[in-house]
Protein backbone atom coordinates (compact mmCIF):
# COMPACT_ATOMS: atom_id res chain seq x y z
CA MET A 1 37.10 -4.81 -8.18
CA ASN A 2 36.14 -1.33 -7.05
CA TRP A 3 33.33 -0.63 -9.52
CA ALA A 4 32.13 2.93 -9.99
CA ILE A 5 28.37 3.09 -9.44
CA SER A 6 26.05 6.04 -9.89
CA ARG A 7 25.31 8.54 -7.16
CA ARG A 8 21.67 7.47 -7.43
CA ALA A 9 22.59 3.84 -6.79
CA GLN A 10 24.71 4.83 -3.83
CA GLN A 11 21.58 6.35 -2.24
CA LEU A 12 19.54 3.16 -2.59
CA THR A 13 18.29 1.68 0.67
CA SER A 14 16.66 -1.65 1.43
CA SER A 15 13.05 -1.85 2.46
CA ALA A 16 12.74 -2.47 6.18
CA ILE A 17 9.79 -4.75 5.45
CA ARG A 18 11.70 -6.86 2.94
CA GLU A 19 14.56 -7.33 5.39
CA ILE A 20 12.16 -8.42 8.10
CA LEU A 21 10.43 -10.83 5.72
CA LYS A 22 13.67 -12.79 5.39
CA VAL A 23 13.41 -13.62 9.09
CA THR A 24 9.74 -14.55 8.85
CA GLU A 25 10.46 -17.34 6.38
CA ARG A 26 11.26 -19.48 9.42
CA PRO A 27 8.11 -21.58 10.05
CA GLU A 28 8.25 -21.06 13.81
CA VAL A 29 7.97 -17.26 13.46
CA ILE A 30 4.48 -15.79 13.84
CA SER A 31 4.66 -12.95 11.36
CA PHE A 32 2.53 -9.83 11.67
CA ALA A 33 5.06 -8.12 9.40
CA GLY A 34 4.48 -8.64 5.69
CA GLY A 35 1.46 -7.02 4.07
CA LEU A 36 0.74 -10.16 2.07
CA PRO A 37 -2.78 -11.10 0.96
CA SER A 38 -4.04 -14.39 2.32
CA PRO A 39 -3.33 -17.28 -0.11
CA ALA A 40 -6.75 -18.61 0.85
CA THR A 41 -8.24 -15.81 -1.25
CA PHE A 42 -6.46 -16.71 -4.50
CA PRO A 43 -9.03 -17.93 -7.08
CA VAL A 44 -6.95 -20.92 -8.14
CA ALA A 45 -9.72 -22.90 -9.86
CA ALA A 46 -10.83 -19.89 -11.88
CA MET A 47 -7.25 -19.27 -12.95
CA GLU A 48 -6.76 -22.89 -14.00
CA GLN A 49 -9.83 -22.64 -16.20
CA ALA A 50 -8.68 -19.29 -17.61
CA VAL A 51 -5.27 -20.69 -18.53
CA ALA A 52 -6.95 -23.56 -20.39
CA ARG A 53 -9.10 -21.11 -22.37
CA ILE A 54 -6.09 -18.94 -23.25
CA PHE A 55 -4.11 -21.88 -24.61
CA ALA A 56 -7.14 -23.25 -26.44
CA ASP A 57 -8.12 -19.94 -28.07
CA ASN A 58 -4.99 -17.94 -28.88
CA PRO A 59 -1.80 -19.09 -27.14
CA GLN A 60 0.56 -17.36 -29.57
CA ALA A 61 -0.85 -13.90 -28.80
CA ALA A 62 -0.64 -14.56 -25.05
CA LEU A 63 3.06 -15.41 -25.41
CA GLN A 64 3.96 -12.55 -27.79
CA TYR A 65 5.08 -8.95 -27.26
CA ALA A 66 2.18 -6.51 -26.84
CA ALA A 67 1.28 -2.82 -26.68
CA THR A 68 2.85 -0.68 -23.98
CA GLU A 69 -0.55 0.61 -22.85
CA GLY A 70 -1.74 -2.92 -22.09
CA TYR A 71 -4.21 -5.54 -23.25
CA MET A 72 -7.20 -3.60 -24.58
CA PRO A 73 -9.98 -5.80 -23.12
CA LEU A 74 -8.42 -5.51 -19.66
CA ARG A 75 -8.01 -1.75 -20.09
CA GLU A 76 -11.67 -1.52 -21.12
CA PHE A 77 -12.68 -3.54 -18.06
CA ILE A 78 -10.78 -1.13 -15.79
CA ALA A 79 -12.10 1.95 -17.61
CA LYS A 80 -15.70 0.79 -17.20
CA ARG A 81 -15.16 -0.03 -13.52
CA HIS A 82 -13.83 3.48 -12.86
CA ALA A 83 -16.02 5.38 -15.34
CA VAL A 84 -13.12 6.85 -17.34
CA ASP A 85 -11.98 6.93 -20.95
CA VAL A 86 -9.98 3.80 -21.80
CA GLU A 87 -7.28 6.02 -23.33
CA ARG A 88 -6.35 7.13 -19.82
CA VAL A 89 -5.60 3.58 -18.60
CA LEU A 90 -2.07 2.17 -18.53
CA ILE A 91 -1.42 -1.37 -17.28
CA THR A 92 1.71 -1.61 -15.11
CA THR A 93 3.82 -4.44 -13.74
CA GLY A 94 2.38 -4.11 -10.26
CA SER A 95 1.48 -0.81 -8.64
CA GLN A 96 5.08 -0.51 -7.45
CA GLN A 97 6.05 0.12 -11.08
CA ALA A 98 3.35 2.78 -11.22
CA LEU A 99 5.08 4.58 -8.35
CA ASP A 100 8.39 4.36 -10.19
CA LEU A 101 6.91 5.69 -13.45
CA ILE A 102 5.18 8.58 -11.70
CA ALA A 103 8.44 9.47 -9.98
CA LYS A 104 10.36 9.36 -13.27
CA VAL A 105 7.84 11.61 -14.98
CA MET A 106 7.14 14.07 -12.17
CA ILE A 107 10.19 14.42 -9.89
CA ASP A 108 13.42 16.37 -10.39
CA PRO A 109 16.13 16.54 -7.72
CA GLY A 110 14.92 18.91 -5.04
CA SER A 111 11.28 18.85 -6.19
CA PRO A 112 8.84 19.16 -3.28
CA VAL A 113 6.62 16.09 -2.94
CA LEU A 114 3.85 16.05 -0.35
CA VAL A 115 3.22 12.83 1.59
CA GLU A 116 0.97 11.76 4.44
CA THR A 117 2.21 11.32 8.00
CA PRO A 118 2.91 8.42 8.04
CA SER A 119 2.94 7.16 4.44
CA TYR A 120 3.49 3.95 2.48
CA LEU A 121 7.11 2.85 2.80
CA GLY A 122 7.26 1.48 -0.76
CA ALA A 123 6.29 4.87 -2.17
CA LEU A 124 8.87 6.70 -0.09
CA GLN A 125 11.46 4.22 -1.32
CA ALA A 126 10.44 4.61 -4.99
CA PHE A 127 10.31 8.40 -4.85
CA SER A 128 13.57 8.74 -2.92
CA LEU A 129 15.57 7.42 -5.85
CA PHE A 130 14.75 10.65 -7.71
CA GLU A 131 15.83 12.89 -4.83
CA PRO A 132 12.71 14.88 -3.98
CA GLU A 133 12.30 17.13 -1.00
CA PHE A 134 9.63 15.36 1.02
CA VAL A 135 7.08 17.57 2.74
CA SER A 136 5.06 15.80 5.43
CA VAL A 137 1.39 16.77 5.60
CA PRO A 138 -0.05 16.77 9.13
CA GLY A 139 -2.82 14.29 9.91
CA ASP A 140 -4.74 12.56 12.67
CA ASP A 141 -6.24 9.13 13.23
CA LYS A 142 -8.67 9.63 10.32
CA SER A 143 -6.43 10.94 7.54
CA LEU A 144 -4.35 13.89 6.47
CA LEU A 145 -5.77 17.33 7.32
CA PRO A 146 -6.86 19.19 4.15
CA GLU A 147 -6.79 22.54 5.95
CA SER A 148 -3.03 22.11 6.48
CA LEU A 149 -2.48 22.44 2.72
CA THR A 150 -1.56 26.10 2.73
CA PRO A 151 0.05 27.94 -0.20
CA GLU A 152 3.26 28.00 1.80
CA LEU A 153 3.27 24.24 2.46
CA THR A 154 2.41 23.31 -1.11
CA ALA A 155 4.59 25.87 -2.92
CA GLY A 156 6.21 24.21 -5.95
CA ALA A 157 4.96 20.73 -5.03
CA ARG A 158 4.86 18.28 -7.92
CA PHE A 159 2.05 16.29 -6.32
CA LEU A 160 0.47 15.04 -3.09
CA TYR A 161 0.66 11.28 -2.65
CA ALA A 162 -2.21 9.83 -0.59
CA LEU A 163 -3.90 6.51 0.23
CA PRO A 164 -7.48 7.43 1.17
CA ASN A 165 -8.71 3.87 1.73
CA PHE A 166 -7.44 1.73 4.63
CA GLN A 167 -4.00 3.24 4.33
CA ASN A 168 -0.80 1.26 4.56
CA PRO A 169 0.44 1.46 7.33
CA THR A 170 -2.30 2.88 9.56
CA GLY A 171 -5.45 1.23 8.20
CA ARG A 172 -7.30 4.55 8.43
CA ARG A 173 -9.90 5.64 5.84
CA MET A 174 -10.37 9.26 4.82
CA PRO A 175 -13.94 10.40 5.62
CA LEU A 176 -16.14 11.72 2.81
CA GLU A 177 -16.08 15.32 4.01
CA ARG A 178 -12.28 15.32 4.05
CA ARG A 179 -12.16 13.90 0.54
CA GLN A 180 -14.38 16.72 -0.60
CA ALA A 181 -12.26 19.28 1.25
CA LEU A 182 -9.02 17.81 -0.10
CA VAL A 183 -10.22 17.92 -3.72
CA ALA A 184 -11.49 21.48 -3.29
CA ARG A 185 -8.22 22.61 -1.73
CA ALA A 186 -6.18 20.89 -4.44
CA ARG A 187 -8.21 22.66 -7.13
CA GLU A 188 -7.63 26.02 -5.46
CA LEU A 189 -3.89 25.40 -5.25
CA GLY A 190 -3.47 23.73 -8.65
CA LEU A 191 -2.08 20.70 -6.81
CA LEU A 192 -1.93 17.32 -8.54
CA LEU A 193 -3.16 14.42 -6.40
CA VAL A 194 -1.74 10.90 -6.70
CA GLU A 195 -4.35 8.51 -5.30
CA ASP A 196 -3.02 5.04 -4.42
CA ASP A 197 -5.94 2.67 -3.89
CA PRO A 198 -4.99 -1.01 -3.53
CA TYR A 199 -7.33 -1.57 -0.57
CA GLY A 200 -10.49 0.31 -1.56
CA GLU A 201 -12.48 -2.85 -2.29
CA LEU A 202 -11.65 -4.34 1.12
CA SER A 203 -14.22 -2.56 3.28
CA TYR A 204 -15.48 -5.16 5.74
CA SER A 205 -19.05 -3.86 5.45
CA GLY A 206 -18.88 -3.57 1.67
CA ASP A 207 -19.51 0.17 1.67
CA GLN A 208 -17.33 2.35 -0.54
CA LEU A 209 -16.59 6.06 -0.55
CA PRO A 210 -16.09 7.98 -3.80
CA SER A 211 -12.54 8.09 -5.09
CA LEU A 212 -10.64 11.33 -5.42
CA LEU A 213 -10.47 10.50 -9.13
CA SER A 214 -14.26 10.50 -9.42
CA MET A 215 -14.38 13.92 -7.76
CA ASN A 216 -11.68 15.50 -9.91
CA PRO A 217 -10.83 13.41 -13.02
CA ASP A 218 -8.51 16.03 -14.51
CA GLY A 219 -6.53 16.63 -11.32
CA VAL A 220 -5.80 13.08 -10.12
CA ILE A 221 -3.46 10.26 -11.07
CA TYR A 222 -5.16 7.12 -9.80
CA MET A 223 -3.28 3.89 -9.04
CA GLY A 224 -4.99 0.52 -8.69
CA SER A 225 -3.90 -3.09 -8.30
CA PHE A 226 -5.08 -6.66 -8.79
CA SER A 227 -2.72 -7.88 -6.06
CA LYS A 228 -5.19 -7.66 -3.20
CA ILE A 229 -8.30 -8.87 -5.06
CA LEU A 230 -6.79 -11.60 -7.29
CA ALA A 231 -3.16 -12.53 -6.59
CA PRO A 232 0.06 -10.52 -6.15
CA GLY A 233 2.08 -13.02 -8.19
CA LEU A 234 0.37 -11.73 -11.36
CA ARG A 235 2.18 -8.41 -10.84
CA LEU A 236 -0.67 -6.39 -12.33
CA GLY A 237 -1.42 -2.79 -11.50
CA PHE A 238 -2.74 0.16 -13.45
CA VAL A 239 -2.61 3.93 -13.66
CA ILE A 240 -5.43 6.24 -14.73
CA ALA A 241 -3.99 9.64 -15.61
CA PRO A 242 -4.93 12.85 -17.43
CA PRO A 243 -4.10 12.50 -21.14
CA GLU A 244 -0.91 14.55 -21.19
CA LEU A 245 0.49 12.64 -18.21
CA HIS A 246 -0.70 9.29 -19.55
CA PHE A 247 1.42 9.83 -22.67
CA LYS A 248 4.55 10.54 -20.62
CA LEU A 249 3.92 7.57 -18.34
CA CYS A 250 3.68 5.35 -21.43
CA GLN A 251 6.99 6.68 -22.71
CA ALA A 252 8.62 6.00 -19.34
CA LYS A 253 7.22 2.46 -19.33
CA GLN A 254 8.54 1.81 -22.83
CA ALA A 255 12.02 2.63 -21.54
CA SER A 256 11.49 0.46 -18.47
CA ASP A 257 10.07 -2.87 -19.68
CA LEU A 258 8.26 -2.29 -23.00
CA HIS A 259 5.00 -3.69 -21.62
CA THR A 260 3.51 -5.68 -18.77
CA PRO A 261 3.55 -9.45 -19.51
CA SER A 262 0.91 -10.35 -22.10
CA PHE A 263 0.09 -13.67 -20.47
CA THR A 264 -0.75 -12.35 -17.00
CA GLN A 265 -2.88 -9.56 -18.47
CA ARG A 266 -4.93 -12.04 -20.49
CA LEU A 267 -5.15 -14.38 -17.52
CA ALA A 268 -6.52 -11.64 -15.27
CA TYR A 269 -9.04 -10.58 -17.88
CA GLU A 270 -10.24 -14.14 -18.44
CA VAL A 271 -10.76 -14.50 -14.70
CA VAL A 272 -12.69 -11.25 -14.17
CA ARG A 273 -14.54 -10.81 -17.46
CA ASP A 274 -17.70 -12.68 -16.42
CA GLY A 275 -18.20 -11.03 -13.04
CA LEU A 276 -16.09 -13.17 -10.72
CA LEU A 277 -15.06 -10.15 -8.65
CA ASP A 278 -18.67 -9.54 -7.64
CA SER A 279 -18.71 -12.83 -5.74
CA HIS A 280 -15.00 -13.15 -4.96
CA ILE A 281 -14.36 -9.80 -3.24
CA PRO A 282 -17.11 -10.32 -0.60
CA THR A 283 -15.43 -13.58 0.45
CA ILE A 284 -12.15 -11.69 0.95
CA ARG A 285 -13.93 -9.04 3.02
CA THR A 286 -15.55 -11.68 5.23
CA LEU A 287 -12.27 -13.47 5.86
CA TYR A 288 -10.32 -10.30 6.59
CA ALA A 289 -13.03 -8.93 8.89
CA ALA A 290 -12.85 -12.13 10.96
CA GLN A 291 -9.05 -12.02 11.04
CA CYS A 292 -9.10 -8.36 12.11
CA GLN A 293 -11.61 -9.06 14.88
CA ALA A 294 -9.49 -11.96 16.11
CA MET A 295 -6.52 -9.65 16.46
CA LEU A 296 -8.54 -6.86 18.09
CA ASP A 297 -9.92 -9.31 20.64
CA SER A 298 -6.43 -10.64 21.37
CA LEU A 299 -5.01 -7.15 21.75
CA ALA A 300 -7.75 -6.27 24.25
CA ARG A 301 -6.86 -9.36 26.28
CA HIS A 302 -3.08 -9.10 26.28
CA MET A 303 -1.81 -5.55 25.78
CA PRO A 304 -0.61 -3.65 28.85
CA GLU A 305 -1.87 -0.23 29.88
CA GLY A 306 -0.38 2.56 27.80
CA VAL A 307 -0.39 0.66 24.50
CA THR A 308 -2.99 1.94 22.01
CA TRP A 309 -4.22 0.78 18.61
CA ASN A 310 -6.92 1.53 16.05
CA ALA A 311 -9.86 -0.60 14.89
CA PRO A 312 -9.83 -0.43 11.08
CA GLU A 313 -13.02 -0.74 9.02
CA GLY A 314 -11.23 -2.55 6.19
CA GLY A 315 -7.87 -3.43 4.70
CA MET A 316 -5.07 -5.49 6.20
CA PHE A 317 -3.38 -3.48 8.96
CA ILE A 318 -3.64 -2.31 12.56
CA TRP A 319 -1.51 0.62 13.73
CA MET A 320 -0.19 0.51 17.28
CA GLU A 321 1.60 3.01 19.47
CA LEU A 322 3.64 2.15 22.55
CA PRO A 323 4.18 4.65 25.37
CA GLU A 324 6.43 7.59 24.54
CA GLY A 325 10.11 6.83 24.96
CA LEU A 326 9.94 3.25 23.70
CA ASP A 327 11.47 2.36 20.33
CA SER A 328 9.69 -0.39 18.40
CA MET A 329 12.78 -0.92 16.24
CA GLU A 330 14.92 -1.69 19.28
CA ILE A 331 12.28 -4.03 20.70
CA LEU A 332 11.87 -5.90 17.40
CA GLN A 333 15.01 -8.00 17.81
CA GLU A 334 13.77 -9.43 21.09
CA ALA A 335 10.38 -10.05 19.49
CA VAL A 336 12.06 -12.04 16.72
CA ASN A 337 14.04 -13.94 19.36
CA ARG A 338 10.66 -14.97 20.75
CA ASN A 339 9.44 -15.90 17.26
CA VAL A 340 7.12 -12.97 16.58
CA ALA A 341 7.64 -10.25 13.97
CA TYR A 342 6.05 -6.88 13.18
CA VAL A 343 7.09 -3.80 11.20
CA PRO A 344 8.46 -0.82 13.17
CA GLY A 345 6.69 2.44 12.41
CA ALA A 346 9.68 4.75 11.87
CA PRO A 347 10.39 3.81 8.21
CA PHE A 348 6.89 4.95 7.22
CA TYR A 349 7.70 8.58 8.03
CA ALA A 350 9.38 10.94 5.58
CA SER A 351 10.50 13.08 8.53
CA ASN A 352 10.24 13.20 12.33
CA PRO A 353 9.37 9.50 12.76
CA ARG A 354 7.36 8.21 15.69
CA ARG A 355 9.69 5.50 16.96
CA ASN A 356 7.11 4.14 19.38
CA ALA A 357 4.75 3.13 16.54
CA LEU A 358 4.46 -0.20 14.72
CA ARG A 359 2.31 -1.94 12.10
CA LEU A 360 0.56 -5.29 12.56
CA ALA A 361 -0.68 -7.28 9.56
CA PHE A 362 -3.25 -9.94 10.40
CA VAL A 363 -4.66 -11.51 7.22
CA THR A 364 -2.21 -14.40 6.77
CA VAL A 365 -2.14 -15.63 10.38
CA ALA A 366 -4.62 -18.16 11.74
CA PRO A 367 -6.69 -16.95 14.73
CA GLU A 368 -4.99 -19.33 17.19
CA ARG A 369 -1.58 -18.10 16.03
CA ILE A 370 -2.78 -14.50 16.30
CA GLU A 371 -3.69 -15.17 19.92
CA GLN A 372 -0.31 -16.78 20.60
CA GLY A 373 1.68 -14.02 18.89
CA VAL A 374 -0.22 -11.16 20.49
CA ALA A 375 0.23 -12.75 23.92
CA ILE A 376 3.99 -12.86 23.35
CA LEU A 377 4.03 -9.22 22.25
CA GLY A 378 1.93 -8.22 25.25
CA THR A 379 4.46 -9.79 27.60
CA LEU A 380 7.35 -8.22 25.72
CA PHE A 381 5.83 -4.73 25.72
CA ARG A 382 4.95 -5.02 29.40
CA GLU A 383 8.59 -5.84 30.14
CA ALA A 384 9.78 -2.93 27.98
CA ILE A 385 7.45 -0.50 29.76
CA ALA A 386 8.60 -1.69 33.17
CA LYS A 387 12.24 -1.39 32.12
CA HIS A 388 11.72 2.11 30.73
CA ALA A 389 9.79 3.45 33.73
CA PRO A 390 12.77 3.77 36.14
CA GLN A 391 14.88 5.37 33.40
CA ALA A 392 12.16 7.90 32.61
CA LYS A 393 11.71 8.69 36.30
CA ALA A 394 15.45 9.17 36.75
CA ALA A 395 15.59 11.50 33.74
């Protein structure tokens, strides 16, 4: 039948990453595509013990409906960790739901929304459903440029969405002085900041920079996640928001799913309550630092002249740019044919995409497979450069 669907549904698009992940399910494919945490980091034993305690102590409560705001002990744990009032904390079903709730509460059709260049694809996808007018904020290899936030650029903007720590997709981290400048500029302009911080704990050296939230508690909506430091299958995120926005986010969540699953909230709290994160997160950092170095070493050995990439200080991603004129989306199919996958860079841009860019994720691939996959990409990119050179010369 020819069903009538909403105009909003007609505008839905699939995530480029999710489509690529379907291909990477083949065991022979070396996937640098999905931004998945390494399963080696999941604290399975601690979770088994936590489940046993939950079912021994109060299984009925863990299996019952619960408050929209979330399980109070977990909210208190988050509030203490971020030095905020617990009444500002809302537990969400993954940080992707947080993006959806923020969009529902803040965006009307045509509302200006400021985003980094490039920005997280999942956020662009979540926001797009509510038909904003995206405004791309200029940046460089360190972060967005606070001085570009002029009254003209920010006029009418509902918020600026930013990932200061080891950003997805670029892996870059905003320096302290830019954080300070950004918060000062936002105060001057009355601009709300949405700080998405799933990777902040994953600094390879263990150092951390102050959050935007800590610098301006009343002017920031902060998003966090347990996906990268415990396990993504728990689907646990959280939002810390000013009181008036917290209330509206709670109302939006009530209409969405009533509350985040009681069981996973209690499970996460049982795992972290006695300080496990203090010993667990350093092991993740050590593993990811080694994985990153393995990829950087392989790239140095195999990439042809003209291909550039960054060296991130944390997180899960390396950002690469091919010579101008090449299109990483067009090259991807041949890469998949050779059993290697990556994510093209274009979908991460709200406007004027750089089609020669791409994202490499390294944390789930063994070092020997990293070497093999990077060698294949090096050969492929060398062929693409050679093929493009005569065309560029003729043009």
